[in-house]
C-alpha atoms as a PDB file:
ATOM      1  CA  MET A   1     -16.131 -24.060  -9.708  1.00  0.00           C
ATOM      2  CA  THR A   2     -16.530 -22.514  -6.240  1.00  0.00           C
ATOM      3  CA  GLU A   3     -12.759 -22.286  -5.836  1.00  0.00           C
ATOM      4  CA  VAL A   4     -12.625 -20.232  -9.047  1.00  0.00           C
ATOM      5  CA  LEU A   5     -15.656 -18.010  -8.393  1.00  0.00           C
ATOM      6  CA  ALA A   6     -14.732 -17.057  -4.813  1.00  0.00           C
ATOM      7  CA  PRO A   7     -11.477 -15.261  -5.748  1.00  0.00           C
ATOM      8  CA  LEU A   8     -13.249 -13.570  -8.662  1.00  0.00           C
ATOM      9  CA  ALA A   9     -16.000 -12.375  -6.312  1.00  0.00           C
ATOM     10  CA  PHE A  10     -13.380 -10.980  -3.908  1.00  0.00           C
ATOM     11  CA  ALA A  11     -11.639  -9.188  -6.756  1.00  0.00           C
ATOM     12  CA  ALA A  12     -14.883  -7.754  -8.158  1.00  0.00           C
ATOM     13  CA  LEU A  13     -15.986  -6.517  -4.737  1.00  0.00           C
ATOM     14  CA  ALA A  14     -12.622  -4.883  -4.069  1.00  0.00           C
ATOM     15  CA  PHE A  15     -12.510  -3.297  -7.529  1.00  0.00           C
ATOM     16  CA  VAL A  16     -15.971  -1.760  -7.205  1.00  0.00           C
ATOM     17  CA  LEU A  17     -15.214  -0.474  -3.706  1.00  0.00           C
ATOM     18  CA  GLY A  18     -11.861   0.913  -4.848  1.00  0.00           C
ATOM     19  CA  ALA A  19     -13.373   2.791  -7.773  1.00  0.00           C
ATOM     20  CA  GLY A  20     -16.367   3.999  -5.747  1.00  0.00           C
ATOM     21  CA  ALA A  21     -14.298   5.202  -2.786  1.00  0.00           C
ATOM     22  CA  THR A  22     -11.851   6.961  -5.116  1.00  0.00           C
ATOM     23  CA  ARG A  23     -14.661   8.836  -6.863  1.00  0.00           C
ATOM     24  CA  VAL A  24     -16.144   9.992  -3.537  1.00  0.00           C
ATOM     25  CA  VAL A  25     -12.801  10.966  -1.972  1.00  0.00           C
ATOM     26  CA  ARG A  26     -11.787  12.816  -5.136  1.00  0.00           C
ATOM     27  CA  ALA A  27     -14.936  14.946  -4.901  1.00  0.00           C
ATOM     28  CA  ILE A  28     -14.310  15.651  -1.209  1.00  0.00           C
ATOM     29  CA  ALA A  29     -10.672  16.575  -1.859  1.00  0.00           C
ATOM     30  CA  MET A  30     -11.590  18.979  -4.650  1.00  0.00           C
ATOM     31  CA  ALA A  31     -14.284  20.589  -2.477  1.00  0.00           C
ATOM     32  CA  THR A  32     -11.954  21.028   0.523  1.00  0.00           C
ATOM     33  CA  GLY A  33      -8.851  22.143  -1.373  1.00  0.00           C
ATOM     34  CA  ALA A  34      -6.799  18.987  -0.716  1.00  0.00           C
ATOM     35  CA  VAL A  35      -5.185  19.314  -4.139  1.00  0.00           C
ATOM     36  CA  ASN A  36      -1.815  19.637  -5.803  1.00  0.00           C
ATOM     37  CA  ARG A  37      -1.640  22.912  -7.705  1.00  0.00           C
ATOM     38  CA  PRO A  38      -0.217  23.085 -11.253  1.00  0.00           C
ATOM     39  CA  ASN A  39       3.571  22.818 -11.283  1.00  0.00           C
ATOM     40  CA  PRO A  40       5.587  24.423 -14.110  1.00  0.00           C
ATOM     41  CA  ILE A  41       8.201  21.657 -13.741  1.00  0.00           C
ATOM     42  CA  VAL A  42       5.573  19.112 -14.876  1.00  0.00           C
ATOM     43  CA  PRO A  43       4.119  20.311 -18.207  1.00  0.00           C
ATOM     44  CA  GLN A  44       1.153  17.918 -18.152  1.00  0.00           C
ATOM     45  CA  HIS A  45       0.092  19.133 -14.696  1.00  0.00           C
ATOM     46  CA  THR A  46      -2.153  21.994 -15.816  1.00  0.00           C
ATOM     47  CA  ARG A  47      -4.986  21.843 -13.272  1.00  0.00           C
ATOM     48  CA  PRO A  48      -5.469  21.170  -9.552  1.00  0.00           C
ATOM     49  CA  ILE A  49      -5.453  17.422  -8.815  1.00  0.00           C
ATOM     50  CA  ALA A  50      -6.767  15.789  -5.644  1.00  0.00           C
ATOM     51  CA  TYR A  51      -4.040  14.024  -3.656  1.00  0.00           C
ATOM     52  CA  LEU A  52      -6.022  11.928  -1.146  1.00  0.00           C
ATOM     53  CA  GLY A  53      -5.789   8.677  -3.087  1.00  0.00           C
ATOM     54  CA  GLY A  54      -4.396   6.918  -0.025  1.00  0.00           C
ATOM     55  CA  VAL A  55      -7.535   7.751   1.924  1.00  0.00           C
ATOM     56  CA  ALA A  56      -9.690   6.282  -0.864  1.00  0.00           C
ATOM     57  CA  ILE A  57      -7.662   3.064  -0.857  1.00  0.00           C
ATOM     58  CA  ALA A  58      -7.848   2.822   2.940  1.00  0.00           C
ATOM     59  CA  VAL A  59     -11.631   3.328   3.034  1.00  0.00           C
ATOM     60  CA  ALA A  60     -12.235   0.769   0.282  1.00  0.00           C
ATOM     61  CA  LEU A  61      -9.908  -1.758   1.925  1.00  0.00           C
ATOM     62  CA  ALA A  62     -11.521  -1.330   5.325  1.00  0.00           C
ATOM     63  CA  ILE A  63     -14.989  -2.013   3.917  1.00  0.00           C
ATOM     64  CA  ALA A  64     -13.799  -4.920   1.769  1.00  0.00           C
ATOM     65  CA  ALA A  65     -11.851  -6.509   4.627  1.00  0.00           C
ATOM     66  CA  VAL A  66     -14.787  -6.294   7.043  1.00  0.00           C
ATOM     67  CA  ILE A  67     -17.171  -7.814   4.484  1.00  0.00           C
ATOM     68  CA  ALA A  68     -14.711 -10.600   3.655  1.00  0.00           C
ATOM     69  CA  SER A  69     -14.145 -11.330   7.343  1.00  0.00           C
ATOM     70  CA  LEU A  70     -17.899 -11.583   7.937  1.00  0.00           C
ATOM     71  CA  VAL A  71     -18.117 -14.111   5.124  1.00  0.00           C
ATOM     72  CA  ALA A  72     -15.231 -16.149   6.597  1.00  0.00           C
ATOM     73  CA  ARG A  73     -16.304 -15.711  10.228  1.00  0.00           C
ATOM     74  CA  ASP A  74     -13.762 -18.097  11.709  1.00  0.00           C
ATOM     75  CA  ASP A  75     -10.788 -16.442   9.989  1.00  0.00           C
ATOM     76  CA  PRO A  76     -10.856 -12.620  10.030  1.00  0.00           C
ATOM     77  CA  LEU A  77      -8.593 -11.066   7.429  1.00  0.00           C
ATOM     78  CA  TRP A  78      -5.453  -9.433   8.800  1.00  0.00           C
ATOM     79  CA  LEU A  79      -6.531  -6.096   7.302  1.00  0.00           C
ATOM     80  CA  ALA A  80      -9.731  -6.158   9.379  1.00  0.00           C
ATOM     81  CA  THR A  81      -7.864  -6.607  12.686  1.00  0.00           C
ATOM     82  CA  ALA A  82      -6.149  -4.020  14.873  1.00  0.00           C
ATOM     83  CA  ARG A  83      -2.727  -5.536  14.246  1.00  0.00           C
ATOM     84  CA  GLY A  84      -3.108  -4.794  10.539  1.00  0.00           C
ATOM     85  CA  ALA A  85      -5.245  -1.666  10.572  1.00  0.00           C
ATOM     86  CA  ILE A  86      -3.333   0.359  13.173  1.00  0.00           C
ATOM     87  CA  PRO A  87       0.154   0.321  11.587  1.00  0.00           C
ATOM     88  CA  ALA A  88      -1.397   0.771   8.124  1.00  0.00           C
ATOM     89  CA  GLY A  89      -3.311   3.753   9.486  1.00  0.00           C
ATOM     90  CA  LEU A  90      -0.156   5.234  10.991  1.00  0.00           C
ATOM     91  CA  PHE A  91       1.646   5.097   7.647  1.00  0.00           C
ATOM     92  CA  LEU A  92      -1.377   6.648   5.939  1.00  0.00           C
ATOM     93  CA  VAL A  93      -1.765   9.457   8.482  1.00  0.00           C
ATOM     94  CA  GLY A  94       1.946  10.254   8.556  1.00  0.00           C
ATOM     95  CA  GLY A  95       2.199  10.322   4.783  1.00  0.00           C
ATOM     96  CA  THR A  96      -0.935  12.466   4.440  1.00  0.00           C
ATOM     97  CA  PHE A  97       0.485  14.932   6.985  1.00  0.00           C
ATOM     98  CA  ASP A  98       3.644  15.048   4.887  1.00  0.00           C
ATOM     99  CA  ASP A  99       1.475  15.951   1.882  1.00  0.00           C
ATOM    100  CA  ALA A 100      -0.046  18.897   3.750  1.00  0.00           C
ATOM    101  CA  ARG A 101       3.142  20.031   5.522  1.00  0.00           C
ATOM    102  CA  PRO A 102       6.266  18.416   4.042  1.00  0.00           C
ATOM    103  CA  LEU A 103       8.507  16.904   6.702  1.00  0.00           C
ATOM    104  CA  ALA A 104      12.273  17.136   6.830  1.00  0.00           C
ATOM    105  CA  PRO A 105      14.074  13.821   6.216  1.00  0.00           C
ATOM    106  CA  LEU A 106      14.874  13.069   9.870  1.00  0.00           C
ATOM    107  CA  PRO A 107      11.340  13.562  11.281  1.00  0.00           C
ATOM    108  CA  LYS A 108       9.932  11.655   8.320  1.00  0.00           C
ATOM    109  CA  PHE A 109      12.274   8.712   8.948  1.00  0.00           C
ATOM    110  CA  ALA A 110      11.438   8.843  12.667  1.00  0.00           C
ATOM    111  CA  PHE A 111       7.706   8.586  12.002  1.00  0.00           C
ATOM    112  CA  GLN A 112       8.246   5.740   9.509  1.00  0.00           C
ATOM    113  CA  SER A 113      10.377   3.873  12.035  1.00  0.00           C
ATOM    114  CA  ALA A 114       7.747   4.358  14.743  1.00  0.00           C
ATOM    115  CA  ALA A 115       5.007   3.030  12.451  1.00  0.00           C
ATOM    116  CA  ALA A 116       7.174   0.038  11.520  1.00  0.00           C
ATOM    117  CA  ALA A 117       7.943  -0.615  15.205  1.00  0.00           C
ATOM    118  CA  THR A 118       4.206  -0.567  15.918  1.00  0.00           C
ATOM    119  CA  ALA A 119       3.678  -3.228  13.250  1.00  0.00           C
ATOM    120  CA  VAL A 120       6.391  -5.379  14.855  1.00  0.00           C
ATOM    121  CA  LEU A 121       4.852  -4.915  18.315  1.00  0.00           C
ATOM    122  CA  PHE A 122       1.537  -6.096  16.859  1.00  0.00           C
ATOM    123  CA  GLY A 123       3.202  -9.316  15.740  1.00  0.00           C
ATOM    124  CA  LEU A 124       4.301  -8.575  12.182  1.00  0.00           C
ATOM    125  CA  VAL A 125       7.765 -10.150  12.315  1.00  0.00           C
ATOM    126  CA  TRP A 126       9.730 -11.802   9.529  1.00  0.00           C
ATOM    127  CA  ARG A 127      11.179 -14.761  11.456  1.00  0.00           C
ATOM    128  CA  LEU A 128      14.109 -15.432   9.182  1.00  0.00           C
ATOM    129  CA  THR A 129      16.902 -16.039  11.707  1.00  0.00           C
ATOM    130  CA  GLY A 130      15.162 -17.310  14.836  1.00  0.00           C
ATOM    131  CA  VAL A 131      16.819 -14.514  16.848  1.00  0.00           C
ATOM    132  CA  ALA A 132      13.993 -12.284  18.126  1.00  0.00           C
ATOM    133  CA  TRP A 133      15.753  -8.911  18.144  1.00  0.00           C
ATOM    134  CA  LEU A 134      17.431  -9.536  14.791  1.00  0.00           C
ATOM    135  CA  ASP A 135      14.176 -10.627  13.145  1.00  0.00           C
ATOM    136  CA  ALA A 136      12.470  -7.514  14.514  1.00  0.00           C
ATOM    137  CA  ALA A 137      15.263  -5.310  13.135  1.00  0.00           C
ATOM    138  CA  ILE A 138      15.127  -7.017   9.709  1.00  0.00           C
ATOM    139  CA  THR A 139      11.345  -6.547   9.623  1.00  0.00           C
ATOM    140  CA  MET A 140      11.561  -2.843  10.467  1.00  0.00           C
ATOM    141  CA  LEU A 141      14.292  -2.319   7.879  1.00  0.00           C
ATOM    142  CA  TRP A 142      12.211  -4.123   5.244  1.00  0.00           C
ATOM    143  CA  LEU A 143       9.066  -2.111   5.998  1.00  0.00           C
ATOM    144  CA  VAL A 144      10.793   1.279   6.044  1.00  0.00           C
ATOM    145  CA  ALA A 145      12.855   0.497   2.933  1.00  0.00           C
ATOM    146  CA  ILE A 146       9.861  -0.606   0.854  1.00  0.00           C
ATOM    147  CA  VAL A 147       7.743   2.337   2.027  1.00  0.00           C
ATOM    148  CA  ASN A 148      10.483   4.752   0.943  1.00  0.00           C
ATOM    149  CA  ALA A 149      11.037   2.873  -2.326  1.00  0.00           C
ATOM    150  CA  PHE A 150       7.328   3.182  -3.157  1.00  0.00           C
ATOM    151  CA  ASN A 151       7.336   6.834  -2.149  1.00  0.00           C
ATOM    152  CA  LEU A 152      10.259   7.612  -4.466  1.00  0.00           C
ATOM    153  CA  VAL A 153       8.674   5.858  -7.454  1.00  0.00           C
ATOM    154  CA  ASP A 154       5.435   7.856  -7.215  1.00  0.00           C
ATOM    155  CA  VAL A 155       6.460  10.442  -9.809  1.00  0.00           C
ATOM    156  CA  CYS A 156       3.888  10.221 -12.611  1.00  0.00           C
ATOM    157  CA  ASP A 157       0.319   9.198 -13.369  1.00  0.00           C
ATOM    158  CA  GLY A 158      -0.432   5.550 -12.715  1.00  0.00           C
ATOM    159  CA  LEU A 159       3.200   4.474 -12.232  1.00  0.00           C
ATOM    160  CA  LEU A 160       3.280   3.452  -8.579  1.00  0.00           C
ATOM    161  CA  ALA A 161      -0.268   2.082  -8.498  1.00  0.00           C
ATOM    162  CA  GLY A 162       0.522   0.089 -11.642  1.00  0.00           C
ATOM    163  CA  LEU A 163       3.753  -1.297 -10.199  1.00  0.00           C
ATOM    164  CA  ALA A 164       1.955  -2.126  -6.946  1.00  0.00           C
ATOM    165  CA  ALA A 165      -0.749  -3.989  -8.875  1.00  0.00           C
ATOM    166  CA  ILE A 166       1.888  -6.018 -10.732  1.00  0.00           C
ATOM    167  CA  ALA A 167       3.708  -6.832  -7.468  1.00  0.00           C
ATOM    168  CA  LEU A 168       0.445  -7.864  -5.800  1.00  0.00           C
ATOM    169  CA  LEU A 169      -0.497 -10.047  -8.766  1.00  0.00           C
ATOM    170  CA  PHE A 170       2.818 -11.904  -8.549  1.00  0.00           C
ATOM    171  CA  LEU A 171       2.462 -12.197  -4.768  1.00  0.00           C
ATOM    172  CA  PHE A 172      -1.075 -13.529  -5.171  1.00  0.00           C
ATOM    173  CA  VAL A 173       0.158 -16.234  -7.554  1.00  0.00           C
ATOM    174  CA  VAL A 174       3.228 -17.346  -5.589  1.00  0.00           C
ATOM    175  CA  ALA A 175       1.565 -17.175  -2.154  1.00  0.00           C
ATOM    176  CA  GLY A 176      -1.287 -19.563  -2.872  1.00  0.00           C
ATOM    177  CA  HIS A 177      -4.095 -17.141  -3.744  1.00  0.00           C
ATOM    178  CA  ASP A 178      -4.319 -15.353  -0.400  1.00  0.00           C
ATOM    179  CA  ALA A 179      -7.552 -13.355   0.022  1.00  0.00           C
ATOM    180  CA  SER A 180      -5.831 -10.339   1.615  1.00  0.00           C
ATOM    181  CA  VAL A 181      -3.551  -9.917  -1.395  1.00  0.00           C
ATOM    182  CA  LEU A 182      -6.519 -10.199  -3.735  1.00  0.00           C
ATOM    183  CA  LEU A 183      -8.480  -7.534  -1.858  1.00  0.00           C
ATOM    184  CA  VAL A 184      -5.605  -5.058  -1.999  1.00  0.00           C
ATOM    185  CA  LEU A 185      -5.067  -5.833  -5.688  1.00  0.00           C
ATOM    186  CA  GLY A 186      -8.731  -5.266  -6.501  1.00  0.00           C
ATOM    187  CA  VAL A 187      -8.827  -1.950  -4.650  1.00  0.00           C
ATOM    188  CA  VAL A 188      -5.643  -0.736  -6.360  1.00  0.00           C
ATOM    189  CA  LEU A 189      -7.083  -1.593  -9.773  1.00  0.00           C
ATOM    190  CA  GLY A 190     -10.246   0.315  -8.868  1.00  0.00           C
ATOM    191  CA  PHE A 191      -8.134   3.321  -7.876  1.00  0.00           C
ATOM    192  CA  LEU A 192      -6.189   3.060 -11.147  1.00  0.00           C
ATOM    193  CA  VAL A 193      -9.368   3.844 -13.079  1.00  0.00           C
ATOM    194  CA  PHE A 194      -8.961   7.440 -11.869  1.00  0.00           C
ATOM    195  CA  ASN A 195      -5.165   7.492 -11.502  1.00  0.00           C
ATOM    196  CA  PHE A 196      -4.294   6.255 -14.996  1.00  0.00           C
ATOM    197  CA  PRO A 197      -3.034   9.055 -17.311  1.00  0.00           C
ATOM    198  CA  ASP A 198      -4.399  11.684 -17.327  1.00  0.00           C
ATOM    199  CA  ALA A 199      -4.951  11.218 -13.608  1.00  0.00           C
ATOM    200  CA  SER A 200      -7.741  13.025 -11.776  1.00  0.00           C
ATOM    201  CA  ILE A 201      -6.429  11.960  -8.349  1.00  0.00           C
ATOM    202  CA  PHE A 202      -2.939  11.251  -6.986  1.00  0.00           C
ATOM    203  CA  LEU A 203      -1.866   8.742  -4.358  1.00  0.00           C
ATOM    204  CA  GLY A 204       0.003  11.410  -2.437  1.00  0.00           C
ATOM    205  CA  ASP A 205       2.580  10.514   0.190  1.00  0.00           C
ATOM    206  CA  GLY A 206      -0.224   9.012   2.269  1.00  0.00           C
ATOM    207  CA  GLY A 207      -1.091   6.623  -0.542  1.00  0.00           C
ATOM    208  CA  SER A 208       2.474   5.680  -1.398  1.00  0.00           C
ATOM    209  CA  HIS A 209       3.256   5.046   2.288  1.00  0.00           C
ATOM    210  CA  LEU A 210       0.131   2.936   2.692  1.00  0.00           C
ATOM    211  CA  LEU A 211       0.731   0.875  -0.456  1.00  0.00           C
ATOM    212  CA  GLY A 212       4.396   0.366   0.420  1.00  0.00           C
ATOM    213  CA  PHE A 213       3.488  -0.899   3.864  1.00  0.00           C
ATOM    214  CA  LEU A 214       0.711  -3.176   2.601  1.00  0.00           C
ATOM    215  CA  VAL A 215       2.859  -4.847  -0.046  1.00  0.00           C
ATOM    216  CA  ALA A 216       5.815  -5.228   2.330  1.00  0.00           C
ATOM    217  CA  ALA A 217       3.611  -6.582   5.128  1.00  0.00           C
ATOM    218  CA  LEU A 218       1.732  -9.015   2.901  1.00  0.00           C
ATOM    219  CA  ALA A 219       5.033 -10.378   1.585  1.00  0.00           C
ATOM    220  CA  ILE A 220       5.812 -11.337   5.189  1.00  0.00           C
ATOM    221  CA  LEU A 221       2.374 -12.655   6.079  1.00  0.00           C
ATOM    222  CA  VAL A 222       1.363 -14.825   3.149  1.00  0.00           C
ATOM    223  CA  GLN A 223       4.525 -16.898   2.672  1.00  0.00           C
ATOM    224  CA  PRO A 224       6.636 -19.084   4.956  1.00  0.00           C
ATOM    225  CA  ALA A 225       9.558 -17.171   6.465  1.00  0.00           C
ATOM    226  CA  THR A 226      12.474 -18.520   4.428  1.00  0.00           C
ATOM    227  CA  TRP A 227      15.405 -16.761   2.820  1.00  0.00           C
ATOM    228  CA  THR A 228      14.266 -18.052  -0.565  1.00  0.00           C
ATOM    229  CA  ASN A 229      10.879 -16.400  -0.122  1.00  0.00           C
ATOM    230  CA  ALA A 230      12.580 -13.245   1.135  1.00  0.00           C
ATOM    231  CA  VAL A 231      14.627 -13.020  -2.070  1.00  0.00           C
ATOM    232  CA  GLU A 232      11.485 -13.755  -4.082  1.00  0.00           C
ATOM    233  CA  SER A 233       9.681 -10.894  -2.308  1.00  0.00           C
ATOM    234  CA  LEU A 234      12.600  -8.576  -3.022  1.00  0.00           C
ATOM    235  CA  LEU A 235      12.391  -9.442  -6.717  1.00  0.00           C
ATOM    236  CA  ILE A 236       8.629  -8.833  -6.728  1.00  0.00           C
ATOM    237  CA  VAL A 237       9.247  -5.227  -5.634  1.00  0.00           C
ATOM    238  CA  GLY A 238      12.443  -5.037  -7.670  1.00  0.00           C
ATOM    239  CA  VAL A 239      11.610  -1.896  -9.673  1.00  0.00           C
ATOM    240  CA  PRO A 240      10.935   0.362  -6.646  1.00  0.00           C
ATOM    241  CA  VAL A 241      13.910  -1.148  -4.789  1.00  0.00           C
ATOM    242  CA  PHE A 242      16.193  -0.510  -7.775  1.00  0.00           C
ATOM    243  CA  GLU A 243      14.988   3.101  -7.863  1.00  0.00           C
ATOM    244  CA  LEU A 244      15.728   3.491  -4.159  1.00  0.00           C
ATOM    245  CA  VAL A 245      19.241   2.054  -4.450  1.00  0.00           C
ATOM    246  CA  PHE A 246      19.962   3.976  -7.647  1.00  0.00           C
ATOM    247  CA  LEU A 247      19.005   7.318  -6.095  1.00  0.00           C
ATOM    248  CA  ILE A 248      21.033   6.618  -2.959  1.00  0.00           C
ATOM    249  CA  VAL A 249      24.106   5.736  -5.008  1.00  0.00           C
END
């Protein structure tokens, strides 16, 4: 019974924190003008919408991860450690800056690469080949590709957050019910309460960058580094990856 209730408690905590943080951040964004103005290209976008959804997700995750780590004192969650929080924060900050002042492709790719390199330096490496430099390069490519795939898919209410929730659910099942995956899933579902059509808050580039990094990083962390698991992870994020490849072609 305990093995069943513990994951449910994690999920409930994360969901409540996700919804609560989103409500607060939405109010702050509306009060400070951090909004997307109506766009004639999008007929359903008829009023200003807050775009700091990534900040809400980050705040909720930080609180949830700290609480969960205090409960499991001998095994702090990756999200509550510097090696997880710093690169995640870099993707969030860079994406949020891009929301406020859109970056050209080259500077944007440079910042994404720097954030991915930071993650690798902090020990996030997909050790698929056993060759250090090649594994580091594969990891950086994976992180940057998934971040951009998530960013490109964020085009309408609830789409990216919904796809991220589905990917996290599959990852949670195949990776042996990892607590970090469950916390992110719960927070995303809490955010979806306000992002589902008609959305009252958007993820923004900060949110799509953060979610892309989290899903890509967790796919590395919660499964053994095998090519079979790598293919499985690619299939789990198959819709955003297909969109990325389709647009490039």
